[in-house]
Amino acid sequence: MTDIREMERPEAPAARRVSKKDQILTLYKAGITEVNDLAAITLSRPSYVAGVLQGADQAPGYFDLYTSTAKPMNVYSKFFAGKLGFRDEASAQESVDLIDTLYRQFELAGDRAGQHHALLMALTMFDRARWTNKEAEADVFRRWLRKRLDEPTSTAVTPAKK
């Protein structure tokens, strides 16, 4: 007589749980390329979706507070990539010093888009520090931003005539 245990089939290996990252990449490859759509389908934040796509060398063209500044957003990104931090007040001040230097260089060149990007980098670092409970470090960026925002416009830019 055959033992019942010998007749039992071995269990199939447990199915591997598909990660959100895998879902995002599979959906992207299948043609769903909008960050917001991928976020809604996978119940993820757009920042996470953009980070996954950037990490897979896909360029979603999506940037927000939490996406990496190492990936170029525009031609100005290269001046800031990998050079900003807020580990402590000293590193926050070094970051502000770099931002200020670049902001002034862009100002001398009349490059308003470059100045805007410098302001954006300071605001991004301020928010990142603030949302990680680094108030003193955030304040370094806050003070610099307030000074810039309170400066009078050095030269009036007149709109182009049509």
Protein backbone atom coordinates (compact mmCIF):
# COMPACT_ATOMS: atom_id res chain seq x y z
CA MET A 1 0.00 0.00 0.00
CA THR A 2 1.30 3.44 -0.94
CA ASP A 3 1.70 5.98 1.78
CA ILE A 4 -0.58 8.99 1.28
CA ARG A 5 2.31 11.34 1.95
CA GLU A 6 4.12 9.97 -1.09
CA MET A 7 1.12 10.77 -3.28
CA GLU A 8 0.92 14.38 -2.20
CA ARG A 9 2.27 16.85 -4.67
CA PRO A 10 5.01 19.11 -3.49
CA GLU A 11 3.71 22.59 -2.88
CA ALA A 12 4.49 25.20 -5.49
CA PRO A 13 7.01 27.75 -4.26
CA ALA A 14 5.35 30.75 -2.69
CA ALA A 15 4.70 33.43 -5.25
CA ARG A 16 7.08 36.34 -4.90
CA ARG A 17 5.29 39.52 -3.92
CA VAL A 18 5.67 42.05 -6.72
CA SER A 19 7.17 45.24 -5.40
CA LYS A 20 5.87 48.70 -6.27
CA LYS A 21 9.17 49.34 -8.02
CA ASP A 22 8.65 46.29 -10.24
CA GLN A 23 5.05 47.33 -10.92
CA ILE A 24 6.12 50.83 -11.92
CA LEU A 25 8.85 49.61 -14.26
CA THR A 26 6.58 47.01 -15.85
CA LEU A 27 3.78 49.52 -16.41
CA TYR A 28 6.26 52.06 -17.79
CA LYS A 29 7.64 49.52 -20.27
CA ALA A 30 4.05 48.67 -21.24
CA GLY A 31 3.49 52.29 -22.28
CA ILE A 32 2.07 54.00 -19.21
CA THR A 33 4.60 56.81 -18.92
CA GLU A 34 2.82 59.58 -17.01
CA VAL A 35 4.17 59.85 -13.48
CA ASN A 36 0.77 60.76 -12.05
CA ASP A 37 -0.90 57.78 -13.73
CA LEU A 38 1.78 55.38 -12.49
CA ALA A 39 1.46 56.81 -8.98
CA ALA A 40 -2.31 56.37 -8.99
CA ILE A 41 -2.17 52.80 -10.30
CA THR A 42 0.51 51.67 -7.85
CA LEU A 43 -0.77 53.74 -4.92
CA SER A 44 2.57 55.53 -4.68
CA ARG A 45 3.68 59.12 -4.43
CA PRO A 46 4.75 60.82 -7.66
CA SER A 47 8.19 61.49 -6.10
CA TYR A 48 8.68 57.77 -5.54
CA VAL A 49 7.63 56.92 -9.10
CA ALA A 50 9.98 59.55 -10.54
CA GLY A 51 12.82 58.27 -8.37
CA VAL A 52 12.26 54.69 -9.53
CA LEU A 53 12.22 55.77 -13.16
CA GLN A 54 15.31 57.94 -12.76
CA GLY A 55 17.09 55.08 -11.02
CA ALA A 56 16.30 52.86 -14.01
CA ASP A 57 17.75 55.49 -16.37
CA GLN A 58 14.33 56.49 -17.61
CA ALA A 59 13.80 60.24 -17.83
CA PRO A 60 10.26 61.08 -16.78
CA GLY A 61 10.95 64.84 -16.78
CA TYR A 62 9.34 65.07 -13.36
CA PHE A 63 10.94 66.98 -10.50
CA ASP A 64 9.75 67.88 -7.04
CA LEU A 65 11.04 68.29 -3.53
CA TYR A 66 11.99 64.65 -3.15
CA THR A 67 13.41 63.73 -6.54
CA SER A 68 17.18 63.63 -6.79
CA THR A 69 18.99 66.81 -7.74
CA ALA A 70 21.69 64.62 -9.29
CA LYS A 71 19.56 64.18 -12.40
CA PRO A 72 19.60 67.31 -14.56
CA MET A 73 16.44 69.35 -14.52
CA ASN A 74 17.84 71.97 -16.89
CA VAL A 75 21.17 73.45 -17.97
CA TYR A 76 21.73 74.95 -14.52
CA SER A 77 21.44 71.70 -12.58
CA LYS A 78 25.07 70.75 -13.22
CA PHE A 79 26.29 73.69 -11.14
CA PHE A 80 24.50 72.39 -8.04
CA ALA A 81 24.44 68.59 -8.46
CA GLY A 82 26.10 66.79 -5.58
CA LYS A 83 27.30 70.04 -4.01
CA LEU A 84 24.48 70.95 -1.61
CA GLY A 85 23.74 69.58 1.82
CA PHE A 86 22.32 70.29 5.25
CA ARG A 87 23.97 67.65 7.43
CA ASP A 88 24.75 70.39 9.94
CA GLU A 89 24.73 74.19 10.04
CA ALA A 90 28.25 74.40 8.60
CA SER A 91 27.34 72.31 5.53
CA ALA A 92 24.12 74.31 5.12
CA GLN A 93 26.18 77.53 5.18
CA GLU A 94 28.64 76.10 2.61
CA SER A 95 25.65 75.30 0.41
CA VAL A 96 24.25 78.80 0.79
CA ASP A 97 27.66 80.26 -0.04
CA LEU A 98 27.74 78.28 -3.29
CA ILE A 99 24.14 79.17 -4.12
CA ASP A 100 24.90 82.85 -3.47
CA THR A 101 28.03 82.81 -5.62
CA LEU A 102 26.16 81.28 -8.52
CA TYR A 103 23.16 83.57 -8.00
CA ARG A 104 25.48 86.61 -8.22
CA GLN A 105 27.25 85.24 -11.31
CA PHE A 106 23.91 84.72 -13.02
CA GLU A 107 22.89 88.24 -11.98
CA LEU A 108 26.05 89.75 -13.54
CA ALA A 109 25.31 87.86 -16.75
CA GLY A 110 21.69 89.04 -16.73
CA ASP A 111 20.64 85.40 -16.60
CA ARG A 112 17.30 85.52 -14.80
CA ALA A 113 16.63 81.82 -15.44
CA GLY A 114 19.92 80.97 -13.69
CA GLN A 115 18.99 83.18 -10.75
CA HIS A 116 15.61 81.48 -10.59
CA HIS A 117 17.27 78.07 -10.46
CA ALA A 118 19.54 79.23 -7.62
CA LEU A 119 16.47 80.41 -5.70
CA LEU A 120 14.78 77.09 -6.42
CA MET A 121 17.77 75.16 -5.08
CA ALA A 122 17.79 77.25 -1.88
CA LEU A 123 14.04 76.71 -1.42
CA THR A 124 14.42 72.98 -2.05
CA MET A 125 17.20 72.67 0.52
CA PHE A 126 15.22 74.78 3.00
CA ASP A 127 12.22 72.49 2.65
CA ARG A 128 14.26 69.30 2.84
CA ALA A 129 15.94 70.49 6.03
CA ARG A 130 12.66 71.70 7.51
CA TRP A 131 10.76 68.49 6.76
CA THR A 132 13.53 66.42 8.38
CA ASN A 133 13.31 68.51 11.57
CA LYS A 134 16.61 70.31 11.04
CA GLU A 135 15.33 73.75 11.95
CA ALA A 136 18.72 75.40 12.47
CA GLU A 137 19.94 74.14 9.09
CA ALA A 138 16.69 75.18 7.43
CA ASP A 139 17.06 78.64 8.91
CA VAL A 140 20.39 79.12 7.07
CA PHE A 141 18.53 78.74 3.77
CA ARG A 142 15.52 80.75 5.01
CA ARG A 143 17.64 83.78 5.90
CA TRP A 144 19.35 83.77 2.49
CA LEU A 145 16.04 83.42 0.66
CA ARG A 146 14.46 86.28 2.62
CA LYS A 147 17.34 88.58 1.76
CA ARG A 148 17.04 87.75 -1.94
CA LEU A 149 13.28 88.14 -1.97
CA ASP A 150 13.51 91.52 -0.26
CA GLU A 151 16.10 92.88 -2.72
CA PRO A 152 14.83 95.49 -5.16
CA THR A 153 14.99 94.52 -8.80
CA SER A 154 18.32 95.82 -10.07
CA THR A 155 17.20 96.46 -13.62
CA ALA A 156 13.65 96.62 -14.80
CA VAL A 157 12.95 94.11 -17.50
CA THR A 158 10.48 95.42 -20.00
CA PRO A 159 8.28 92.90 -21.75
CA ALA A 160 9.00 92.29 -25.40
CA LYS A 161 6.74 94.19 -27.75
CA LYS A 162 4.54 92.21 -30.07
